[in-house]
Amino acid sequence: MKFEDLPIGVKLTDKVVAITGAGGVICGALSKAIAAAGAKVAVLDLKLESAMKVVEEIRADGGIAYGYAANVLELESLKKAHDDINKDLGKVDILINGAGGNNPRANTDKEYYEVGDIDDPELKTFFNLDSSGVSFVFNLNFLGTLLPSQVFAKDMLGREGCSILNISSMNAFTPLTKIPAYSGAKAAVSNFTKWLAVHFSKVNIRVNAIAPGFLATAQNKSLLFNPDGTPTARTGKIINATPMGRFGEPDELIGATLFLISDKASSFITGVVLPIDGGFSSYSGV
């Protein structure tokens, strides 16, 4: 991606931007766009090989990027990545907390509980949700936002033009059926975004979030499409409840991201959770 391909002409020249979960589709796209805006990008992912694929694409376009293995649930892993980034690129100016996701162990099989469901040993209901699965999903999304912020915000204290951008979800506004842990965790991320914005308001660190709606990615493929590639009934409900009548694309998150992390563009904006969902969170169904 080149600067002229960006949806808005934000320049991030010489800014050091650390992005967790950057080996994935969404944050990989954001990493490339941020590099095209002139930033030096630290691409962090649980799998180093996934991070390096993004790094190679950025470098092929003339951008500056380094890849790092980092587990957002392990403080020591994050501290090592932080130290390596400081050596390679300098102090971090901007952090994007993109690591997160759901897990089938934290989902119910049905949208609605019905009398007798509890007696079906093959059915995963609210009553037999795997507590370890719920903990994993909640921790991945909430602690996976809090811990990197603890580590990387130390670089930003008292400096100009620094900010944190979290990735929430439209689930944070209205919880979706079947995924209680993910919905609850993203609500916590939105709440934490506002809390941290206030907490850091006296030391020049702005904190905001974007809340993507439905994007068709590898992570939610099983919820949206049958094994043969046909859309599930849930997909039909999603499209019908999205006023724009379609799924979003990862590149459609770029404009809002660049706007919110640019101190010139949004210097008086902090504590905002911006939906990017085709109108899903605004639609009542009638």
C-alpha atoms as a PDB file:
ATOM      1  CA  MET A   1       0.000   0.000   0.000  1.00  0.00           C
ATOM      2  CA  LYS A   2       1.231   3.494  -0.889  1.00  0.00           C
ATOM      3  CA  PHE A   3       0.422   6.870   0.680  1.00  0.00           C
ATOM      4  CA  GLU A   4      -1.710   7.844  -2.316  1.00  0.00           C
ATOM      5  CA  ASP A   5      -3.878   4.748  -1.706  1.00  0.00           C
ATOM      6  CA  LEU A   6      -4.908   5.868   1.788  1.00  0.00           C
ATOM      7  CA  PRO A   7      -8.499   7.070   2.269  1.00  0.00           C
ATOM      8  CA  ILE A   8      -7.327  10.189   4.133  1.00  0.00           C
ATOM      9  CA  GLY A   9      -4.040  12.038   3.866  1.00  0.00           C
ATOM     10  CA  VAL A  10      -2.827  11.565   7.430  1.00  0.00           C
ATOM     11  CA  LYS A  11       0.938  11.619   7.832  1.00  0.00           C
ATOM     12  CA  LEU A  12       2.573   9.695  10.671  1.00  0.00           C
ATOM     13  CA  THR A  13       6.168  10.338   9.637  1.00  0.00           C
ATOM     14  CA  ASP A  14       8.689   8.852  12.095  1.00  0.00           C
ATOM     15  CA  LYS A  15       6.004   7.808  14.576  1.00  0.00           C
ATOM     16  CA  VAL A  16       6.640   4.397  16.151  1.00  0.00           C
ATOM     17  CA  VAL A  17       3.415   2.388  16.144  1.00  0.00           C
ATOM     18  CA  ALA A  18       3.084  -0.965  17.936  1.00  0.00           C
ATOM     19  CA  ILE A  19       0.177  -3.150  16.826  1.00  0.00           C
ATOM     20  CA  THR A  20      -0.807  -6.380  18.578  1.00  0.00           C
ATOM     21  CA  GLY A  21      -2.593  -9.128  16.676  1.00  0.00           C
ATOM     22  CA  ALA A  22      -1.033  -7.633  13.562  1.00  0.00           C
ATOM     23  CA  GLY A  23      -0.533 -10.965  11.842  1.00  0.00           C
ATOM     24  CA  GLY A  24      -4.297 -11.227  11.337  1.00  0.00           C
ATOM     25  CA  VAL A  25      -6.428  -9.908   8.503  1.00  0.00           C
ATOM     26  CA  ILE A  26      -7.758  -6.765  10.200  1.00  0.00           C
ATOM     27  CA  CYS A  27      -4.651  -5.543  11.988  1.00  0.00           C
ATOM     28  CA  GLY A  28      -2.471  -6.663   9.103  1.00  0.00           C
ATOM     29  CA  ALA A  29      -4.412  -4.265   6.878  1.00  0.00           C
ATOM     30  CA  LEU A  30      -4.095  -1.509   9.478  1.00  0.00           C
ATOM     31  CA  SER A  31      -0.342  -2.141   9.770  1.00  0.00           C
ATOM     32  CA  LYS A  32       0.162  -1.694   6.039  1.00  0.00           C
ATOM     33  CA  ALA A  33      -1.867   1.505   5.968  1.00  0.00           C
ATOM     34  CA  ILE A  34      -0.042   2.984   8.957  1.00  0.00           C
ATOM     35  CA  ALA A  35       3.309   2.176   7.361  1.00  0.00           C
ATOM     36  CA  ALA A  36       2.124   3.856   4.147  1.00  0.00           C
ATOM     37  CA  ALA A  37       1.393   6.965   6.244  1.00  0.00           C
ATOM     38  CA  GLY A  38       5.081   7.085   7.133  1.00  0.00           C
ATOM     39  CA  ALA A  39       5.167   5.383  10.528  1.00  0.00           C
ATOM     40  CA  LYS A  40       7.703   2.835  11.690  1.00  0.00           C
ATOM     41  CA  VAL A  41       5.550  -0.185  12.503  1.00  0.00           C
ATOM     42  CA  ALA A  42       6.190  -2.853  15.132  1.00  0.00           C
ATOM     43  CA  VAL A  43       4.119  -5.825  14.006  1.00  0.00           C
ATOM     44  CA  LEU A  44       3.323  -8.016  17.017  1.00  0.00           C
ATOM     45  CA  ASP A  45       1.634 -11.388  16.870  1.00  0.00           C
ATOM     46  CA  LEU A  46       1.528 -14.611  18.853  1.00  0.00           C
ATOM     47  CA  LYS A  47       3.019 -16.315  15.793  1.00  0.00           C
ATOM     48  CA  LEU A  48       6.209 -14.680  14.561  1.00  0.00           C
ATOM     49  CA  GLU A  49       5.772 -16.146  11.076  1.00  0.00           C
ATOM     50  CA  SER A  50       2.393 -14.400  10.747  1.00  0.00           C
ATOM     51  CA  ALA A  51       3.940 -11.115  11.826  1.00  0.00           C
ATOM     52  CA  MET A  52       6.808 -11.493   9.367  1.00  0.00           C
ATOM     53  CA  LYS A  53       4.472 -11.999   6.424  1.00  0.00           C
ATOM     54  CA  VAL A  54       2.992  -8.565   7.111  1.00  0.00           C
ATOM     55  CA  VAL A  55       6.471  -7.098   7.628  1.00  0.00           C
ATOM     56  CA  GLU A  56       7.619  -8.426   4.260  1.00  0.00           C
ATOM     57  CA  GLU A  57       4.618  -6.874   2.504  1.00  0.00           C
ATOM     58  CA  ILE A  58       5.253  -3.515   4.168  1.00  0.00           C
ATOM     59  CA  ARG A  59       8.930  -3.578   3.262  1.00  0.00           C
ATOM     60  CA  ALA A  60       8.117  -4.558  -0.318  1.00  0.00           C
ATOM     61  CA  ASP A  61       6.142  -1.297  -0.579  1.00  0.00           C
ATOM     62  CA  GLY A  62       9.052   0.698   0.839  1.00  0.00           C
ATOM     63  CA  GLY A  63       7.768   0.953   4.398  1.00  0.00           C
ATOM     64  CA  ILE A  64       9.562   0.416   7.694  1.00  0.00           C
ATOM     65  CA  ALA A  65       8.444  -2.545   9.794  1.00  0.00           C
ATOM     66  CA  TYR A  66       9.826  -5.100  12.227  1.00  0.00           C
ATOM     67  CA  GLY A  67       8.138  -8.273  13.447  1.00  0.00           C
ATOM     68  CA  TYR A  68       7.958  -9.550  17.014  1.00  0.00           C
ATOM     69  CA  ALA A  69       6.484 -12.590  18.734  1.00  0.00           C
ATOM     70  CA  ALA A  70       4.348 -11.503  21.674  1.00  0.00           C
ATOM     71  CA  ASN A  71       1.704 -13.113  23.849  1.00  0.00           C
ATOM     72  CA  VAL A  72      -0.664 -10.382  25.057  1.00  0.00           C
ATOM     73  CA  LEU A  73      -1.578 -12.497  28.091  1.00  0.00           C
ATOM     74  CA  GLU A  74       2.015 -12.792  29.311  1.00  0.00           C
ATOM     75  CA  LEU A  75       3.621  -9.709  30.803  1.00  0.00           C
ATOM     76  CA  GLU A  76       7.179 -10.974  30.360  1.00  0.00           C
ATOM     77  CA  SER A  77       6.569 -11.676  26.675  1.00  0.00           C
ATOM     78  CA  LEU A  78       5.270  -8.136  26.209  1.00  0.00           C
ATOM     79  CA  LYS A  79       8.194  -6.632  28.126  1.00  0.00           C
ATOM     80  CA  LYS A  80      10.673  -8.460  25.897  1.00  0.00           C
ATOM     81  CA  ALA A  81       8.891  -7.254  22.764  1.00  0.00           C
ATOM     82  CA  HIS A  82       8.874  -3.723  24.207  1.00  0.00           C
ATOM     83  CA  ASP A  83      12.617  -3.806  24.874  1.00  0.00           C
ATOM     84  CA  ASP A  84      13.324  -5.116  21.372  1.00  0.00           C
ATOM     85  CA  ILE A  85      11.125  -2.446  19.779  1.00  0.00           C
ATOM     86  CA  ASN A  86      12.895   0.283  21.738  1.00  0.00           C
ATOM     87  CA  LYS A  87      16.247  -0.992  20.469  1.00  0.00           C
ATOM     88  CA  ASP A  88      15.107  -1.350  16.851  1.00  0.00           C
ATOM     89  CA  LEU A  89      12.763   1.608  16.419  1.00  0.00           C
ATOM     90  CA  GLY A  90      12.786   3.811  19.521  1.00  0.00           C
ATOM     91  CA  LYS A  91      10.062   4.706  21.989  1.00  0.00           C
ATOM     92  CA  VAL A  92       6.504   3.793  21.042  1.00  0.00           C
ATOM     93  CA  ASP A  93       4.257   6.759  20.206  1.00  0.00           C
ATOM     94  CA  ILE A  94       1.064   4.875  19.372  1.00  0.00           C
ATOM     95  CA  LEU A  95      -0.297   1.504  20.505  1.00  0.00           C
ATOM     96  CA  ILE A  96      -3.085  -0.343  18.732  1.00  0.00           C
ATOM     97  CA  ASN A  97      -4.518  -3.172  20.823  1.00  0.00           C
ATOM     98  CA  GLY A  98      -5.719  -5.476  18.066  1.00  0.00           C
ATOM     99  CA  ALA A  99      -5.251  -8.910  19.613  1.00  0.00           C
ATOM    100  CA  GLY A 100      -8.520 -10.595  20.554  1.00  0.00           C
ATOM    101  CA  GLY A 101     -11.131 -13.034  19.344  1.00  0.00           C
ATOM    102  CA  ASN A 102     -13.637 -15.668  20.315  1.00  0.00           C
ATOM    103  CA  ASN A 103     -13.493 -19.415  20.971  1.00  0.00           C
ATOM    104  CA  PRO A 104     -16.186 -22.086  20.384  1.00  0.00           C
ATOM    105  CA  ARG A 105     -15.814 -23.289  23.980  1.00  0.00           C
ATOM    106  CA  ALA A 106     -17.401 -20.019  25.136  1.00  0.00           C
ATOM    107  CA  ASN A 107     -20.440 -20.219  22.814  1.00  0.00           C
ATOM    108  CA  THR A 108     -23.882 -21.702  23.328  1.00  0.00           C
ATOM    109  CA  ASP A 109     -25.238 -23.944  20.576  1.00  0.00           C
ATOM    110  CA  LYS A 110     -28.616 -22.221  20.424  1.00  0.00           C
ATOM    111  CA  GLU A 111     -29.706 -18.600  20.414  1.00  0.00           C
ATOM    112  CA  TYR A 112     -32.573 -19.183  22.839  1.00  0.00           C
ATOM    113  CA  TYR A 113     -32.862 -21.537  25.781  1.00  0.00           C
ATOM    114  CA  GLU A 114     -35.908 -23.809  25.595  1.00  0.00           C
ATOM    115  CA  VAL A 115     -37.503 -26.023  28.219  1.00  0.00           C
ATOM    116  CA  GLY A 116     -35.734 -29.376  28.313  1.00  0.00           C
ATOM    117  CA  ASP A 117     -32.441 -28.216  26.781  1.00  0.00           C
ATOM    118  CA  ILE A 118     -30.655 -28.822  30.058  1.00  0.00           C
ATOM    119  CA  ASP A 119     -31.430 -32.547  29.770  1.00  0.00           C
ATOM    120  CA  ASP A 120     -29.700 -32.926  26.394  1.00  0.00           C
ATOM    121  CA  PRO A 121     -26.107 -34.071  27.107  1.00  0.00           C
ATOM    122  CA  GLU A 122     -25.037 -33.245  23.540  1.00  0.00           C
ATOM    123  CA  LEU A 123     -26.233 -29.643  23.689  1.00  0.00           C
ATOM    124  CA  LYS A 124     -23.997 -26.828  24.885  1.00  0.00           C
ATOM    125  CA  THR A 125     -26.265 -24.502  26.854  1.00  0.00           C
ATOM    126  CA  PHE A 126     -25.631 -21.602  29.201  1.00  0.00           C
ATOM    127  CA  PHE A 127     -25.619 -24.084  32.086  1.00  0.00           C
ATOM    128  CA  ASN A 128     -22.686 -26.151  30.852  1.00  0.00           C
ATOM    129  CA  LEU A 129     -20.502 -23.507  29.227  1.00  0.00           C
ATOM    130  CA  ASP A 130     -16.827 -24.319  29.712  1.00  0.00           C
ATOM    131  CA  SER A 131     -15.577 -21.887  32.356  1.00  0.00           C
ATOM    132  CA  SER A 132     -12.009 -22.189  31.055  1.00  0.00           C
ATOM    133  CA  GLY A 133     -13.246 -21.244  27.584  1.00  0.00           C
ATOM    134  CA  VAL A 134     -15.116 -18.250  28.969  1.00  0.00           C
ATOM    135  CA  SER A 135     -12.034 -17.171  30.939  1.00  0.00           C
ATOM    136  CA  PHE A 136      -9.817 -17.518  27.880  1.00  0.00           C
ATOM    137  CA  VAL A 137     -12.060 -15.366  25.695  1.00  0.00           C
ATOM    138  CA  PHE A 138     -12.554 -12.705  28.351  1.00  0.00           C
ATOM    139  CA  ASN A 139      -8.863 -12.556  29.187  1.00  0.00           C
ATOM    140  CA  LEU A 140      -7.751 -12.517  25.555  1.00  0.00           C
ATOM    141  CA  ASN A 141      -9.886  -9.482  24.820  1.00  0.00           C
ATOM    142  CA  PHE A 142      -9.780  -7.532  28.079  1.00  0.00           C
ATOM    143  CA  LEU A 143      -6.442  -8.453  29.663  1.00  0.00           C
ATOM    144  CA  GLY A 144      -5.028  -8.604  26.137  1.00  0.00           C
ATOM    145  CA  THR A 145      -5.829  -4.888  25.954  1.00  0.00           C
ATOM    146  CA  LEU A 146      -4.895  -3.909  29.506  1.00  0.00           C
ATOM    147  CA  LEU A 147      -1.480  -5.621  29.699  1.00  0.00           C
ATOM    148  CA  PRO A 148      -0.004  -4.172  26.477  1.00  0.00           C
ATOM    149  CA  SER A 149      -1.272  -0.754  27.579  1.00  0.00           C
ATOM    150  CA  GLN A 150       0.592  -1.148  30.871  1.00  0.00           C
ATOM    151  CA  VAL A 151       3.811  -1.984  29.061  1.00  0.00           C
ATOM    152  CA  PHE A 152       3.793   0.410  26.106  1.00  0.00           C
ATOM    153  CA  ALA A 153       2.109   3.469  27.656  1.00  0.00           C
ATOM    154  CA  LYS A 154       5.221   3.982  29.776  1.00  0.00           C
ATOM    155  CA  ASP A 155       6.954   5.172  26.601  1.00  0.00           C
ATOM    156  CA  MET A 156       4.266   7.811  26.063  1.00  0.00           C
ATOM    157  CA  LEU A 157       4.080   9.513  29.462  1.00  0.00           C
ATOM    158  CA  GLY A 158       4.338  13.273  29.132  1.00  0.00           C
ATOM    159  CA  ARG A 159       5.259  13.211  25.439  1.00  0.00           C
ATOM    160  CA  GLU A 160       3.344  14.934  22.653  1.00  0.00           C
ATOM    161  CA  GLY A 161       1.243  13.167  20.022  1.00  0.00           C
ATOM    162  CA  CYS A 162       0.859   9.812  21.776  1.00  0.00           C
ATOM    163  CA  SER A 163      -2.272   7.681  21.830  1.00  0.00           C
ATOM    164  CA  ILE A 164      -3.774   4.238  22.312  1.00  0.00           C
ATOM    165  CA  LEU A 165      -6.416   2.764  20.036  1.00  0.00           C
ATOM    166  CA  ASN A 166      -8.376  -0.283  21.204  1.00  0.00           C
ATOM    167  CA  ILE A 167     -10.428  -2.635  19.062  1.00  0.00           C
ATOM    168  CA  SER A 168     -13.880  -3.052  20.554  1.00  0.00           C
ATOM    169  CA  SER A 169     -16.912  -4.416  18.692  1.00  0.00           C
ATOM    170  CA  MET A 170     -20.532  -3.582  17.983  1.00  0.00           C
ATOM    171  CA  ASN A 171     -21.168  -6.469  20.439  1.00  0.00           C
ATOM    172  CA  ALA A 172     -20.206  -3.956  23.096  1.00  0.00           C
ATOM    173  CA  PHE A 173     -23.325  -1.918  22.260  1.00  0.00           C
ATOM    174  CA  THR A 174     -25.783  -4.801  21.857  1.00  0.00           C
ATOM    175  CA  PRO A 175     -24.693  -8.355  22.762  1.00  0.00           C
ATOM    176  CA  LEU A 176     -25.139 -10.989  20.102  1.00  0.00           C
ATOM    177  CA  THR A 177     -26.776 -14.318  20.844  1.00  0.00           C
ATOM    178  CA  LYS A 178     -24.594 -17.416  21.387  1.00  0.00           C
ATOM    179  CA  ILE A 179     -21.389 -15.520  22.307  1.00  0.00           C
ATOM    180  CA  PRO A 180     -21.756 -14.217  25.880  1.00  0.00           C
ATOM    181  CA  ALA A 181     -18.056 -14.168  26.778  1.00  0.00           C
ATOM    182  CA  TYR A 182     -16.976 -12.291  23.652  1.00  0.00           C
ATOM    183  CA  SER A 183     -19.804  -9.773  23.955  1.00  0.00           C
ATOM    184  CA  GLY A 184     -19.052  -9.174  27.625  1.00  0.00           C
ATOM    185  CA  ALA A 185     -15.332  -8.858  26.997  1.00  0.00           C
ATOM    186  CA  LYS A 186     -15.778  -6.284  24.248  1.00  0.00           C
ATOM    187  CA  ALA A 187     -18.133  -4.299  26.482  1.00  0.00           C
ATOM    188  CA  ALA A 188     -15.303  -4.321  29.032  1.00  0.00           C
ATOM    189  CA  VAL A 189     -12.871  -3.062  26.383  1.00  0.00           C
ATOM    190  CA  SER A 190     -15.170  -0.142  25.570  1.00  0.00           C
ATOM    191  CA  ASN A 191     -15.578   0.698  29.247  1.00  0.00           C
ATOM    192  CA  PHE A 192     -11.833   0.423  29.819  1.00  0.00           C
ATOM    193  CA  THR A 193     -11.199   2.723  26.856  1.00  0.00           C
ATOM    194  CA  LYS A 194     -13.213   5.461  28.526  1.00  0.00           C
ATOM    195  CA  TRP A 195     -11.633   4.806  31.924  1.00  0.00           C
ATOM    196  CA  LEU A 196      -8.100   4.921  30.530  1.00  0.00           C
ATOM    197  CA  ALA A 197      -8.858   8.067  28.516  1.00  0.00           C
ATOM    198  CA  VAL A 198      -9.687   9.864  31.756  1.00  0.00           C
ATOM    199  CA  HIS A 199      -6.793   8.299  33.652  1.00  0.00           C
ATOM    200  CA  PHE A 200      -4.203   9.430  31.097  1.00  0.00           C
ATOM    201  CA  SER A 201      -5.793  12.788  30.262  1.00  0.00           C
ATOM    202  CA  LYS A 202      -3.220  14.779  32.260  1.00  0.00           C
ATOM    203  CA  VAL A 203      -0.160  13.178  30.588  1.00  0.00           C
ATOM    204  CA  ASN A 204      -0.996  13.773  26.903  1.00  0.00           C
ATOM    205  CA  ILE A 205      -2.101  10.222  26.067  1.00  0.00           C
ATOM    206  CA  ARG A 206      -5.376  10.029  24.169  1.00  0.00           C
ATOM    207  CA  VAL A 207      -7.277   6.720  24.303  1.00  0.00           C
ATOM    208  CA  ASN A 208      -9.993   5.781  21.811  1.00  0.00           C
ATOM    209  CA  ALA A 209     -11.479   2.690  20.219  1.00  0.00           C
ATOM    210  CA  ILE A 210     -13.103   1.542  17.029  1.00  0.00           C
ATOM    211  CA  ALA A 211     -16.007  -0.914  17.150  1.00  0.00           C
ATOM    212  CA  PRO A 212     -16.137  -2.924  13.917  1.00  0.00           C
ATOM    213  CA  GLY A 213     -19.359  -4.557  12.854  1.00  0.00           C
ATOM    214  CA  PHE A 214     -19.499  -7.723  10.800  1.00  0.00           C
ATOM    215  CA  LEU A 215     -16.512  -8.364   8.598  1.00  0.00           C
ATOM    216  CA  ALA A 216     -16.238 -11.734   6.885  1.00  0.00           C
ATOM    217  CA  THR A 217     -12.853 -13.050   8.043  1.00  0.00           C
ATOM    218  CA  ALA A 218     -11.285 -16.443   8.716  1.00  0.00           C
ATOM    219  CA  GLN A 219     -12.031 -16.037  12.431  1.00  0.00           C
ATOM    220  CA  ASN A 220     -15.823 -15.927  12.088  1.00  0.00           C
ATOM    221  CA  LYS A 221     -16.109 -18.085   8.969  1.00  0.00           C
ATOM    222  CA  SER A 222     -17.718 -21.004  10.793  1.00  0.00           C
ATOM    223  CA  LEU A 223     -20.461 -18.736  12.180  1.00  0.00           C
ATOM    224  CA  LEU A 224     -21.252 -17.153   8.835  1.00  0.00           C
ATOM    225  CA  PHE A 225     -20.839 -19.932   6.288  1.00  0.00           C
ATOM    226  CA  ASN A 226     -21.588 -23.642   6.059  1.00  0.00           C
ATOM    227  CA  PRO A 227     -18.783 -26.099   5.191  1.00  0.00           C
ATOM    228  CA  ASP A 228     -19.909 -26.004   1.551  1.00  0.00           C
ATOM    229  CA  GLY A 229     -19.541 -22.213   1.457  1.00  0.00           C
ATOM    230  CA  THR A 230     -23.237 -21.357   1.518  1.00  0.00           C
ATOM    231  CA  PRO A 231     -24.363 -18.678   4.015  1.00  0.00           C
ATOM    232  CA  THR A 232     -25.794 -19.829   7.339  1.00  0.00           C
ATOM    233  CA  ALA A 233     -29.152 -18.663   8.675  1.00  0.00           C
ATOM    234  CA  ARG A 234     -27.202 -16.386  11.020  1.00  0.00           C
ATOM    235  CA  THR A 235     -25.618 -14.663   8.020  1.00  0.00           C
ATOM    236  CA  GLY A 236     -29.063 -13.851   6.662  1.00  0.00           C
ATOM    237  CA  LYS A 237     -30.030 -12.283   9.983  1.00  0.00           C
ATOM    238  CA  ILE A 238     -26.869 -10.193  10.028  1.00  0.00           C
ATOM    239  CA  ILE A 239     -27.371  -8.817   6.546  1.00  0.00           C
ATOM    240  CA  ASN A 240     -31.039  -8.089   7.222  1.00  0.00           C
ATOM    241  CA  ALA A 241     -30.094  -6.223  10.404  1.00  0.00           C
ATOM    242  CA  THR A 242     -27.376  -4.184   8.690  1.00  0.00           C
ATOM    243  CA  PRO A 243     -28.958  -1.167   6.984  1.00  0.00           C
ATOM    244  CA  MET A 244     -26.171  -1.043   4.390  1.00  0.00           C
ATOM    245  CA  GLY A 245     -27.011  -4.652   3.499  1.00  0.00           C
ATOM    246  CA  ARG A 246     -23.531  -6.163   3.366  1.00  0.00           C
ATOM    247  CA  PHE A 247     -20.464  -7.220   5.321  1.00  0.00           C
ATOM    248  CA  GLY A 248     -17.669  -4.730   5.850  1.00  0.00           C
ATOM    249  CA  GLU A 249     -14.132  -5.041   4.495  1.00  0.00           C
ATOM    250  CA  PRO A 250     -10.970  -4.721   6.634  1.00  0.00           C
ATOM    251  CA  ASP A 251      -9.814  -1.755   4.530  1.00  0.00           C
ATOM    252  CA  GLU A 252     -12.951   0.126   5.615  1.00  0.00           C
ATOM    253  CA  LEU A 253     -11.450   0.437   9.105  1.00  0.00           C
ATOM    254  CA  ILE A 254      -8.408   2.326   7.850  1.00  0.00           C
ATOM    255  CA  GLY A 255      -9.861   5.826   7.579  1.00  0.00           C
ATOM    256  CA  ALA A 256     -11.228   5.890  11.124  1.00  0.00           C
ATOM    257  CA  THR A 257      -8.029   4.379  12.497  1.00  0.00           C
ATOM    258  CA  LEU A 258      -5.773   6.937  10.850  1.00  0.00           C
ATOM    259  CA  PHE A 259      -8.065   9.743  11.985  1.00  0.00           C
ATOM    260  CA  LEU A 260      -8.130   8.659  15.632  1.00  0.00           C
ATOM    261  CA  ILE A 261      -4.389   8.018  15.975  1.00  0.00           C
ATOM    262  CA  SER A 262      -3.406  11.267  14.257  1.00  0.00           C
ATOM    263  CA  ASP A 263      -2.847  13.982  16.834  1.00  0.00           C
ATOM    264  CA  LYS A 264      -3.294  16.652  14.168  1.00  0.00           C
ATOM    265  CA  ALA A 265      -6.631  15.236  13.033  1.00  0.00           C
ATOM    266  CA  SER A 266      -8.155  14.361  16.418  1.00  0.00           C
ATOM    267  CA  SER A 267      -6.179  16.185  19.099  1.00  0.00           C
ATOM    268  CA  PHE A 268      -9.293  16.952  21.204  1.00  0.00           C
ATOM    269  CA  ILE A 269     -10.857  13.494  20.875  1.00  0.00           C
ATOM    270  CA  THR A 270     -10.400  10.970  23.664  1.00  0.00           C
ATOM    271  CA  GLY A 271     -12.653   8.352  25.261  1.00  0.00           C
ATOM    272  CA  VAL A 272     -14.576   7.724  22.029  1.00  0.00           C
ATOM    273  CA  VAL A 273     -15.761   4.296  20.847  1.00  0.00           C
ATOM    274  CA  LEU A 274     -16.570   4.673  17.149  1.00  0.00           C
ATOM    275  CA  PRO A 275     -18.884   2.081  15.510  1.00  0.00           C
ATOM    276  CA  ILE A 276     -17.904   1.041  11.990  1.00  0.00           C
ATOM    277  CA  ASP A 277     -20.750  -1.361  11.331  1.00  0.00           C
ATOM    278  CA  GLY A 278     -22.892  -0.333   8.370  1.00  0.00           C
ATOM    279  CA  GLY A 279     -25.539   0.921  10.772  1.00  0.00           C
ATOM    280  CA  PHE A 280     -26.017  -2.386  12.641  1.00  0.00           C
ATOM    281  CA  SER A 281     -25.869  -0.828  16.119  1.00  0.00           C
ATOM    282  CA  SER A 282     -28.376   1.871  15.120  1.00  0.00           C
ATOM    283  CA  TYR A 283     -31.059  -0.396  13.635  1.00  0.00           C
ATOM    284  CA  SER A 284     -33.972  -1.541  15.805  1.00  0.00           C
ATOM    285  CA  GLY A 285     -35.311  -4.038  13.271  1.00  0.00           C
ATOM    286  CA  VAL A 286     -38.332  -1.952  12.328  1.00  0.00           C
END
